[in-house]
Amino acid sequence: MSDRRATAVEHLSVLLEQDVIELDVYKRLVDRILAATSDDELGAALAAIPDEPPLMLRCKDGVVHETPDHVPAMTTITCDSGVMRVDLSRATFALDVDLDIDCESGVLSVVLPTDIAVEMGGRSGEGGVSYYRLRSSDQPVARVFVYLHNGKGVVKLSQPRRWFRRGRRAP
């Protein structure tokens, strides 16, 4: 198992040097690899290493609305200030997604699809307001691990609403 760990960390170092992943992602993945105590845990950590370039969305100021078509295994959404809305409800997802959400200040709203399994992996920050009420699908097409850092902003994670039409009742 130690050879697999060393190879994985070396591969992550190359990805970091090529700017495919950021330093915080590198640290988190290396920590997962080194903390693995079984082959299953190591396999899960290795599966989190991206095969495709990560998606990085950022709002530095103003109003930003993003609707990406695909969400790769490594995705980072950052709102430094301003208002940002990211609609992922119609996007295709990699099987396992690490979704890093960072809101220093401002308002960030992320809409996730209903056919995925969502797991809150961690939360940090000085405070701010975070709101999420997410339902996980019984038969998910993807698993999303959310890591939330909220400085002084407002973060809302939601799913599309289901609208039901009421028919007219007969008199």
N, C-alpha and C. Protein backbone atom coordinates (compact mmCIF):
# COMPACT_ATOMS: atom_id res chain seq x y z
N MET A 1 0.82 -1.19 0.00
CA MET A 1 0.00 0.00 0.00
C MET A 1 0.87 1.26 0.00
N SER A 2 2.04 1.20 0.60
CA SER A 2 2.90 2.39 0.66
C SER A 2 3.41 2.79 -0.72
N ASP A 3 3.64 1.80 -1.63
CA ASP A 3 4.07 2.13 -2.99
C ASP A 3 2.96 2.88 -3.73
N ARG A 4 1.73 2.45 -3.53
CA ARG A 4 0.60 3.12 -4.18
C ARG A 4 0.45 4.54 -3.63
N ARG A 5 0.67 4.69 -2.33
CA ARG A 5 0.60 6.03 -1.74
C ARG A 5 1.66 6.95 -2.33
N ALA A 6 2.90 6.46 -2.40
CA ALA A 6 4.00 7.27 -2.93
C ALA A 6 3.74 7.65 -4.38
N THR A 7 3.26 6.72 -5.18
CA THR A 7 2.96 6.99 -6.59
C THR A 7 1.86 8.04 -6.71
N ALA A 8 0.82 7.92 -5.87
CA ALA A 8 -0.29 8.87 -5.92
C ALA A 8 0.16 10.27 -5.52
N VAL A 9 0.96 10.38 -4.48
CA VAL A 9 1.45 11.69 -4.04
C VAL A 9 2.36 12.30 -5.12
N GLU A 10 3.17 11.48 -5.75
CA GLU A 10 4.04 11.96 -6.83
C GLU A 10 3.20 12.48 -8.00
N HIS A 11 2.13 11.73 -8.34
CA HIS A 11 1.23 12.16 -9.42
C HIS A 11 0.56 13.49 -9.08
N LEU A 12 0.13 13.63 -7.83
CA LEU A 12 -0.48 14.89 -7.39
C LEU A 12 0.51 16.05 -7.48
N SER A 13 1.78 15.78 -7.16
CA SER A 13 2.81 16.83 -7.24
C SER A 13 2.97 17.31 -8.68
N VAL A 14 2.92 16.38 -9.62
CA VAL A 14 3.01 16.76 -11.03
C VAL A 14 1.81 17.61 -11.43
N LEU A 15 0.61 17.21 -11.00
CA LEU A 15 -0.59 17.99 -11.31
C LEU A 15 -0.51 19.39 -10.71
N LEU A 16 0.05 19.50 -9.52
CA LEU A 16 0.22 20.81 -8.88
C LEU A 16 1.20 21.67 -9.67
N GLU A 17 2.31 21.10 -10.11
CA GLU A 17 3.30 21.83 -10.88
C GLU A 17 2.74 22.31 -12.22
N GLN A 18 1.82 21.51 -12.81
CA GLN A 18 1.23 21.87 -14.10
C GLN A 18 0.01 22.77 -13.95
N ASP A 19 -0.29 23.20 -12.72
CA ASP A 19 -1.45 24.05 -12.43
C ASP A 19 -2.78 23.41 -12.79
N VAL A 20 -2.84 22.09 -12.73
CA VAL A 20 -4.10 21.39 -12.94
C VAL A 20 -4.93 21.43 -11.67
N ILE A 21 -4.26 21.39 -10.52
CA ILE A 21 -4.95 21.50 -9.23
C ILE A 21 -4.30 22.61 -8.42
N GLU A 22 -5.06 23.16 -7.48
CA GLU A 22 -4.55 24.22 -6.62
C GLU A 22 -3.93 23.61 -5.37
N LEU A 23 -3.18 24.44 -4.63
CA LEU A 23 -2.46 23.98 -3.46
C LEU A 23 -3.40 23.41 -2.39
N ASP A 24 -4.55 24.07 -2.15
CA ASP A 24 -5.46 23.56 -1.12
C ASP A 24 -6.05 22.21 -1.51
N VAL A 25 -6.31 22.01 -2.80
CA VAL A 25 -6.81 20.71 -3.27
C VAL A 25 -5.72 19.66 -3.11
N TYR A 26 -4.49 20.04 -3.45
CA TYR A 26 -3.35 19.13 -3.29
C TYR A 26 -3.22 18.68 -1.84
N LYS A 27 -3.27 19.64 -0.92
CA LYS A 27 -3.13 19.30 0.50
C LYS A 27 -4.24 18.36 0.97
N ARG A 28 -5.48 18.67 0.55
CA ARG A 28 -6.61 17.84 0.98
C ARG A 28 -6.50 16.41 0.45
N LEU A 29 -6.09 16.27 -0.82
CA LEU A 29 -5.96 14.93 -1.39
C LEU A 29 -4.79 14.16 -0.77
N VAL A 30 -3.68 14.83 -0.53
CA VAL A 30 -2.54 14.16 0.11
C VAL A 30 -2.92 13.72 1.52
N ASP A 31 -3.64 14.56 2.25
CA ASP A 31 -4.11 14.18 3.59
C ASP A 31 -5.00 12.95 3.53
N ARG A 32 -5.90 12.91 2.54
CA ARG A 32 -6.78 11.73 2.39
C ARG A 32 -5.98 10.47 2.08
N ILE A 33 -4.98 10.61 1.23
CA ILE A 33 -4.16 9.45 0.84
C ILE A 33 -3.36 8.95 2.04
N LEU A 34 -2.74 9.86 2.77
CA LEU A 34 -1.91 9.45 3.90
C LEU A 34 -2.74 8.94 5.08
N ALA A 35 -3.98 9.39 5.20
CA ALA A 35 -4.84 8.96 6.31
C ALA A 35 -5.52 7.62 6.04
N ALA A 36 -5.45 7.12 4.82
CA ALA A 36 -6.11 5.85 4.48
C ALA A 36 -5.48 4.70 5.26
N THR A 37 -6.34 3.91 5.90
CA THR A 37 -5.85 2.78 6.68
C THR A 37 -6.16 1.44 6.03
N SER A 38 -6.95 1.45 4.97
CA SER A 38 -7.27 0.20 4.27
C SER A 38 -7.17 0.42 2.77
N ASP A 39 -7.18 -0.67 2.03
CA ASP A 39 -7.15 -0.56 0.57
C ASP A 39 -8.39 0.13 0.03
N ASP A 40 -9.54 -0.08 0.68
CA ASP A 40 -10.77 0.57 0.24
C ASP A 40 -10.69 2.08 0.41
N GLU A 41 -10.18 2.53 1.56
CA GLU A 41 -10.03 3.97 1.79
C GLU A 41 -9.02 4.58 0.83
N LEU A 42 -7.94 3.86 0.58
CA LEU A 42 -6.94 4.34 -0.36
C LEU A 42 -7.52 4.40 -1.77
N GLY A 43 -8.31 3.41 -2.13
CA GLY A 43 -8.96 3.40 -3.44
C GLY A 43 -9.89 4.59 -3.61
N ALA A 44 -10.65 4.91 -2.56
CA ALA A 44 -11.54 6.07 -2.62
C ALA A 44 -10.74 7.37 -2.75
N ALA A 45 -9.63 7.46 -2.03
CA ALA A 45 -8.78 8.66 -2.12
C ALA A 45 -8.16 8.78 -3.51
N LEU A 46 -7.73 7.65 -4.08
CA LEU A 46 -7.14 7.67 -5.42
C LEU A 46 -8.18 8.02 -6.48
N ALA A 47 -9.42 7.60 -6.25
CA ALA A 47 -10.48 7.91 -7.20
C ALA A 47 -10.78 9.40 -7.25
N ALA A 48 -10.42 10.12 -6.19
CA ALA A 48 -10.67 11.56 -6.14
C ALA A 48 -9.65 12.37 -6.94
N ILE A 49 -8.58 11.73 -7.39
CA ILE A 49 -7.59 12.43 -8.21
C ILE A 49 -8.19 12.69 -9.58
N PRO A 50 -8.18 13.93 -10.03
CA PRO A 50 -8.90 14.27 -11.27
C PRO A 50 -8.26 13.69 -12.52
N ASP A 51 -9.13 13.22 -13.42
CA ASP A 51 -8.70 12.78 -14.75
C ASP A 51 -8.80 13.92 -15.75
N GLU A 52 -9.62 14.90 -15.40
CA GLU A 52 -9.84 16.03 -16.28
C GLU A 52 -9.55 17.32 -15.53
N PRO A 53 -9.31 18.40 -16.23
CA PRO A 53 -9.01 19.66 -15.55
C PRO A 53 -10.16 20.09 -14.65
N PRO A 54 -9.84 20.70 -13.53
CA PRO A 54 -10.90 21.14 -12.61
C PRO A 54 -11.67 22.33 -13.19
N LEU A 55 -12.88 22.51 -12.67
CA LEU A 55 -13.71 23.67 -13.02
C LEU A 55 -13.56 24.68 -11.90
N MET A 56 -13.19 25.91 -12.25
CA MET A 56 -13.02 26.97 -11.26
C MET A 56 -13.84 28.16 -11.68
N LEU A 57 -14.83 28.49 -10.85
CA LEU A 57 -15.70 29.62 -11.09
C LEU A 57 -15.45 30.66 -10.00
N ARG A 58 -15.34 31.94 -10.38
CA ARG A 58 -15.00 32.96 -9.39
C ARG A 58 -15.75 34.26 -9.67
N CYS A 59 -16.20 34.87 -8.59
CA CYS A 59 -16.81 36.20 -8.64
C CYS A 59 -15.96 37.10 -7.75
N LYS A 60 -15.29 38.08 -8.35
CA LYS A 60 -14.46 38.99 -7.57
C LYS A 60 -15.24 40.23 -7.14
N ASP A 61 -16.26 40.59 -7.90
CA ASP A 61 -17.05 41.77 -7.60
C ASP A 61 -18.20 41.81 -8.60
N GLY A 62 -19.26 42.49 -8.27
CA GLY A 62 -20.38 42.63 -9.19
C GLY A 62 -21.35 41.47 -9.10
N VAL A 63 -22.02 41.20 -10.23
CA VAL A 63 -23.03 40.14 -10.30
C VAL A 63 -22.61 39.14 -11.37
N VAL A 64 -22.55 37.86 -11.00
CA VAL A 64 -22.13 36.80 -11.92
C VAL A 64 -23.17 35.68 -11.89
N HIS A 65 -23.54 35.19 -13.07
CA HIS A 65 -24.44 34.05 -13.19
C HIS A 65 -23.76 33.01 -14.08
N GLU A 66 -23.53 31.83 -13.56
CA GLU A 66 -22.84 30.76 -14.30
C GLU A 66 -23.74 29.55 -14.42
N THR A 67 -23.75 28.90 -15.60
CA THR A 67 -24.48 27.66 -15.81
C THR A 67 -23.60 26.71 -16.62
N PRO A 68 -22.62 26.07 -15.98
CA PRO A 68 -21.74 25.16 -16.72
C PRO A 68 -22.49 23.92 -17.21
N ASP A 69 -22.00 23.35 -18.31
CA ASP A 69 -22.61 22.14 -18.87
C ASP A 69 -22.14 20.87 -18.19
N HIS A 70 -20.90 20.90 -17.67
CA HIS A 70 -20.32 19.70 -17.05
C HIS A 70 -19.60 20.08 -15.76
N VAL A 71 -19.73 19.20 -14.76
CA VAL A 71 -19.06 19.40 -13.48
C VAL A 71 -18.04 18.27 -13.31
N PRO A 72 -16.74 18.57 -13.43
CA PRO A 72 -15.71 17.54 -13.29
C PRO A 72 -15.50 17.15 -11.82
N ALA A 73 -14.63 16.19 -11.61
CA ALA A 73 -14.40 15.64 -10.27
C ALA A 73 -13.90 16.70 -9.29
N MET A 74 -13.16 17.67 -9.75
CA MET A 74 -12.66 18.75 -8.89
C MET A 74 -13.30 20.06 -9.36
N THR A 75 -14.13 20.65 -8.49
CA THR A 75 -14.82 21.88 -8.85
C THR A 75 -14.71 22.86 -7.69
N THR A 76 -14.34 24.10 -8.01
CA THR A 76 -14.20 25.14 -7.00
C THR A 76 -15.06 26.33 -7.39
N ILE A 77 -15.89 26.78 -6.44
CA ILE A 77 -16.71 27.97 -6.64
C ILE A 77 -16.31 28.98 -5.57
N THR A 78 -15.87 30.17 -6.00
CA THR A 78 -15.37 31.18 -5.07
C THR A 78 -16.09 32.50 -5.30
N CYS A 79 -16.56 33.10 -4.20
CA CYS A 79 -17.18 34.43 -4.26
C CYS A 79 -16.41 35.32 -3.29
N ASP A 80 -15.57 36.22 -3.84
CA ASP A 80 -14.80 37.14 -3.00
C ASP A 80 -15.70 38.25 -2.48
N SER A 81 -16.54 38.80 -3.34
CA SER A 81 -17.55 39.78 -2.96
C SER A 81 -18.53 39.88 -4.12
N GLY A 82 -19.62 40.55 -3.91
CA GLY A 82 -20.63 40.66 -4.95
C GLY A 82 -21.70 39.59 -4.80
N VAL A 83 -22.40 39.32 -5.89
CA VAL A 83 -23.48 38.34 -5.91
C VAL A 83 -23.18 37.33 -7.00
N MET A 84 -23.20 36.04 -6.64
CA MET A 84 -22.91 34.99 -7.60
C MET A 84 -23.97 33.90 -7.51
N ARG A 85 -24.49 33.50 -8.65
CA ARG A 85 -25.45 32.39 -8.72
C ARG A 85 -24.89 31.37 -9.70
N VAL A 86 -24.78 30.12 -9.23
CA VAL A 86 -24.28 29.03 -10.06
C VAL A 86 -25.37 27.98 -10.16
N ASP A 87 -25.87 27.76 -11.36
CA ASP A 87 -26.94 26.79 -11.58
C ASP A 87 -26.34 25.52 -12.19
N LEU A 88 -26.25 24.47 -11.38
CA LEU A 88 -25.72 23.19 -11.82
C LEU A 88 -26.84 22.17 -12.07
N SER A 89 -28.08 22.62 -12.03
CA SER A 89 -29.21 21.69 -12.07
C SER A 89 -29.33 20.93 -13.38
N ARG A 90 -28.80 21.46 -14.46
CA ARG A 90 -28.89 20.77 -15.76
C ARG A 90 -27.54 20.25 -16.25
N ALA A 91 -26.52 20.38 -15.43
CA ALA A 91 -25.18 19.96 -15.83
C ALA A 91 -25.01 18.44 -15.67
N THR A 92 -24.10 17.88 -16.44
CA THR A 92 -23.70 16.49 -16.23
C THR A 92 -22.60 16.49 -15.19
N PHE A 93 -22.53 15.41 -14.40
CA PHE A 93 -21.58 15.33 -13.30
C PHE A 93 -20.65 14.14 -13.48
N ALA A 94 -19.39 14.30 -13.04
CA ALA A 94 -18.50 13.15 -12.89
C ALA A 94 -19.09 12.26 -11.80
N LEU A 95 -18.69 11.00 -11.73
CA LEU A 95 -19.29 10.08 -10.75
C LEU A 95 -19.09 10.53 -9.32
N ASP A 96 -17.88 10.97 -8.97
CA ASP A 96 -17.58 11.50 -7.63
C ASP A 96 -17.02 12.90 -7.80
N VAL A 97 -17.66 13.86 -7.15
CA VAL A 97 -17.26 15.26 -7.30
C VAL A 97 -16.90 15.84 -5.94
N ASP A 98 -15.74 16.48 -5.86
CA ASP A 98 -15.36 17.29 -4.69
C ASP A 98 -15.69 18.73 -5.04
N LEU A 99 -16.71 19.27 -4.37
CA LEU A 99 -17.17 20.62 -4.64
C LEU A 99 -16.71 21.53 -3.50
N ASP A 100 -15.73 22.38 -3.78
CA ASP A 100 -15.21 23.34 -2.80
C ASP A 100 -15.93 24.66 -3.00
N ILE A 101 -16.60 25.13 -1.95
CA ILE A 101 -17.32 26.39 -2.01
C ILE A 101 -16.68 27.34 -1.01
N ASP A 102 -16.26 28.50 -1.50
CA ASP A 102 -15.57 29.48 -0.68
C ASP A 102 -16.24 30.84 -0.87
N CYS A 103 -16.79 31.38 0.21
CA CYS A 103 -17.46 32.69 0.15
C CYS A 103 -16.86 33.58 1.23
N GLU A 104 -16.02 34.51 0.82
CA GLU A 104 -15.41 35.43 1.78
C GLU A 104 -16.39 36.49 2.23
N SER A 105 -17.08 37.08 1.29
CA SER A 105 -18.17 38.02 1.59
C SER A 105 -19.06 38.05 0.36
N GLY A 106 -20.19 38.67 0.47
CA GLY A 106 -21.11 38.68 -0.65
C GLY A 106 -22.15 37.59 -0.50
N VAL A 107 -22.86 37.32 -1.58
CA VAL A 107 -23.94 36.35 -1.58
C VAL A 107 -23.66 35.32 -2.67
N LEU A 108 -23.70 34.05 -2.30
CA LEU A 108 -23.44 32.95 -3.23
C LEU A 108 -24.60 31.97 -3.16
N SER A 109 -25.20 31.68 -4.31
CA SER A 109 -26.29 30.71 -4.41
C SER A 109 -25.88 29.63 -5.40
N VAL A 110 -25.97 28.36 -4.97
CA VAL A 110 -25.63 27.23 -5.82
C VAL A 110 -26.84 26.32 -5.91
N VAL A 111 -27.29 26.03 -7.13
CA VAL A 111 -28.43 25.15 -7.36
C VAL A 111 -27.89 23.81 -7.86
N LEU A 112 -28.18 22.74 -7.09
CA LEU A 112 -27.73 21.40 -7.42
C LEU A 112 -28.90 20.56 -7.94
N PRO A 113 -28.64 19.59 -8.82
CA PRO A 113 -29.73 18.74 -9.32
C PRO A 113 -30.27 17.81 -8.25
N THR A 114 -31.46 17.27 -8.50
CA THR A 114 -32.10 16.38 -7.52
C THR A 114 -31.67 14.93 -7.69
N ASP A 115 -31.01 14.58 -8.78
CA ASP A 115 -30.65 13.18 -9.02
C ASP A 115 -29.22 12.83 -8.60
N ILE A 116 -28.68 13.56 -7.63
CA ILE A 116 -27.34 13.27 -7.10
C ILE A 116 -27.43 13.03 -5.59
N ALA A 117 -26.43 12.38 -5.05
CA ALA A 117 -26.30 12.20 -3.60
C ALA A 117 -25.34 13.28 -3.10
N VAL A 118 -25.77 14.04 -2.10
CA VAL A 118 -24.98 15.15 -1.58
C VAL A 118 -24.54 14.83 -0.16
N GLU A 119 -23.25 15.02 0.10
CA GLU A 119 -22.71 14.82 1.45
C GLU A 119 -21.91 16.05 1.83
N MET A 120 -22.24 16.63 2.98
CA MET A 120 -21.50 17.78 3.47
C MET A 120 -20.22 17.25 4.12
N GLY A 121 -19.06 17.51 3.49
CA GLY A 121 -17.80 16.97 3.96
C GLY A 121 -17.11 17.78 5.02
N GLY A 122 -17.33 19.05 5.05
CA GLY A 122 -16.67 19.89 6.04
C GLY A 122 -17.15 21.31 5.93
N ARG A 123 -16.98 22.05 7.02
CA ARG A 123 -17.41 23.43 7.05
C ARG A 123 -16.43 24.23 7.91
N SER A 124 -16.03 25.38 7.42
CA SER A 124 -15.11 26.22 8.18
C SER A 124 -15.43 27.68 7.89
N GLY A 125 -14.81 28.55 8.65
CA GLY A 125 -14.95 29.98 8.40
C GLY A 125 -15.22 30.76 9.65
N GLU A 126 -15.27 32.07 9.48
CA GLU A 126 -15.46 32.99 10.59
C GLU A 126 -16.92 33.11 11.01
N GLY A 127 -17.80 32.74 10.16
CA GLY A 127 -19.23 32.90 10.47
C GLY A 127 -20.02 32.99 9.20
N GLY A 128 -20.69 34.09 9.02
CA GLY A 128 -21.53 34.23 7.85
C GLY A 128 -22.81 33.42 8.03
N VAL A 129 -23.62 33.38 7.01
CA VAL A 129 -24.88 32.65 7.05
C VAL A 129 -24.85 31.59 5.97
N SER A 130 -25.10 30.35 6.37
CA SER A 130 -25.16 29.24 5.41
C SER A 130 -26.51 28.57 5.54
N TYR A 131 -27.14 28.30 4.40
CA TYR A 131 -28.44 27.65 4.39
C TYR A 131 -28.42 26.54 3.35
N TYR A 132 -28.77 25.37 3.76
CA TYR A 132 -28.91 24.29 2.80
C TYR A 132 -29.93 23.27 3.29
N ARG A 133 -30.79 22.90 2.40
CA ARG A 133 -31.75 21.83 2.63
C ARG A 133 -31.74 21.01 1.34
N LEU A 134 -30.96 19.97 1.36
CA LEU A 134 -30.76 19.18 0.15
C LEU A 134 -31.29 17.76 0.34
N ARG A 135 -31.96 17.27 -0.66
CA ARG A 135 -32.44 15.90 -0.65
C ARG A 135 -31.50 15.08 -1.53
N SER A 136 -31.12 13.90 -1.04
CA SER A 136 -30.30 13.02 -1.85
C SER A 136 -31.21 12.03 -2.56
N SER A 137 -30.86 11.73 -3.78
CA SER A 137 -31.65 10.81 -4.59
C SER A 137 -31.47 9.38 -4.10
N ASP A 138 -32.52 8.57 -4.25
CA ASP A 138 -32.44 7.15 -3.89
C ASP A 138 -31.53 6.40 -4.86
N GLN A 139 -31.51 6.80 -6.11
CA GLN A 139 -30.67 6.19 -7.12
C GLN A 139 -29.84 7.28 -7.80
N PRO A 140 -28.79 7.73 -7.11
CA PRO A 140 -28.04 8.88 -7.63
C PRO A 140 -27.20 8.53 -8.86
N VAL A 141 -27.07 9.51 -9.74
CA VAL A 141 -26.20 9.36 -10.90
C VAL A 141 -24.78 9.82 -10.58
N ALA A 142 -24.63 10.53 -9.45
CA ALA A 142 -23.31 11.01 -9.03
C ALA A 142 -23.34 11.29 -7.52
N ARG A 143 -22.13 11.30 -6.91
CA ARG A 143 -21.98 11.64 -5.50
C ARG A 143 -21.18 12.94 -5.43
N VAL A 144 -21.70 13.88 -4.64
CA VAL A 144 -21.05 15.18 -4.51
C VAL A 144 -20.69 15.39 -3.05
N PHE A 145 -19.41 15.63 -2.79
CA PHE A 145 -18.91 15.93 -1.45
C PHE A 145 -18.66 17.42 -1.39
N VAL A 146 -19.39 18.11 -0.53
CA VAL A 146 -19.32 19.57 -0.45
C VAL A 146 -18.43 19.97 0.72
N TYR A 147 -17.45 20.84 0.44
CA TYR A 147 -16.59 21.43 1.46
C TYR A 147 -16.88 22.92 1.44
N LEU A 148 -17.41 23.45 2.53
CA LEU A 148 -17.88 24.82 2.58
C LEU A 148 -17.00 25.66 3.49
N HIS A 149 -16.51 26.79 2.96
CA HIS A 149 -15.82 27.79 3.76
C HIS A 149 -16.58 29.10 3.59
N ASN A 150 -17.09 29.63 4.71
CA ASN A 150 -17.86 30.86 4.65
C ASN A 150 -17.23 31.89 5.59
N GLY A 151 -16.66 32.93 5.02
CA GLY A 151 -16.06 33.99 5.82
C GLY A 151 -17.12 34.84 6.48
N LYS A 152 -17.63 35.82 5.75
CA LYS A 152 -18.65 36.72 6.28
C LYS A 152 -19.83 36.83 5.32
N GLY A 153 -19.95 35.89 4.41
CA GLY A 153 -20.97 36.00 3.38
C GLY A 153 -22.23 35.23 3.67
N VAL A 154 -23.05 35.14 2.65
CA VAL A 154 -24.29 34.37 2.69
C VAL A 154 -24.19 33.29 1.62
N VAL A 155 -24.33 32.02 2.03
CA VAL A 155 -24.25 30.89 1.10
C VAL A 155 -25.55 30.12 1.17
N LYS A 156 -26.15 29.88 0.00
CA LYS A 156 -27.38 29.09 -0.06
C LYS A 156 -27.17 27.97 -1.06
N LEU A 157 -27.33 26.73 -0.60
CA LEU A 157 -27.30 25.57 -1.47
C LEU A 157 -28.73 25.07 -1.58
N SER A 158 -29.21 24.88 -2.80
CA SER A 158 -30.59 24.46 -2.99
C SER A 158 -30.71 23.53 -4.18
N GLN A 159 -31.92 23.05 -4.38
CA GLN A 159 -32.25 22.23 -5.54
C GLN A 159 -33.45 22.84 -6.21
N PRO A 160 -33.66 22.54 -7.50
CA PRO A 160 -34.82 23.13 -8.19
C PRO A 160 -36.11 22.74 -7.48
N ARG A 161 -37.00 23.67 -7.46
CA ARG A 161 -38.30 23.40 -6.84
C ARG A 161 -39.14 22.57 -7.78
N ARG A 162 -39.97 21.74 -7.19
CA ARG A 162 -40.93 20.97 -7.98
C ARG A 162 -42.23 21.74 -7.98
N TRP A 163 -42.65 22.10 -9.14
CA TRP A 163 -43.90 22.85 -9.26
C TRP A 163 -45.01 21.90 -9.67
N PHE A 164 -46.07 21.91 -8.94
CA PHE A 164 -47.23 21.09 -9.26
C PHE A 164 -48.35 22.00 -9.72
N ARG A 165 -48.98 21.59 -10.77
CA ARG A 165 -50.11 22.38 -11.27
C ARG A 165 -51.38 21.89 -10.61
N ARG A 166 -52.10 22.81 -10.14
CA ARG A 166 -53.40 22.46 -9.60
C ARG A 166 -54.43 22.61 -10.71
N GLY A 167 -55.15 21.57 -10.92
CA GLY A 167 -56.23 21.63 -11.91
C GLY A 167 -57.44 22.31 -11.31
N ARG A 168 -58.26 22.81 -12.17
CA ARG A 168 -59.47 23.44 -11.69
C ARG A 168 -60.44 22.38 -11.21
N ARG A 169 -61.07 22.69 -10.15
CA ARG A 169 -62.06 21.77 -9.63
C ARG A 169 -63.40 22.05 -10.31
N ALA A 170 -64.12 21.00 -10.52
CA ALA A 170 -65.43 21.15 -11.14
C ALA A 170 -66.37 21.82 -10.15
N PRO A 171 -67.25 22.72 -10.67
CA PRO A 171 -68.17 23.42 -9.75
C PRO A 171 -69.21 22.50 -9.14
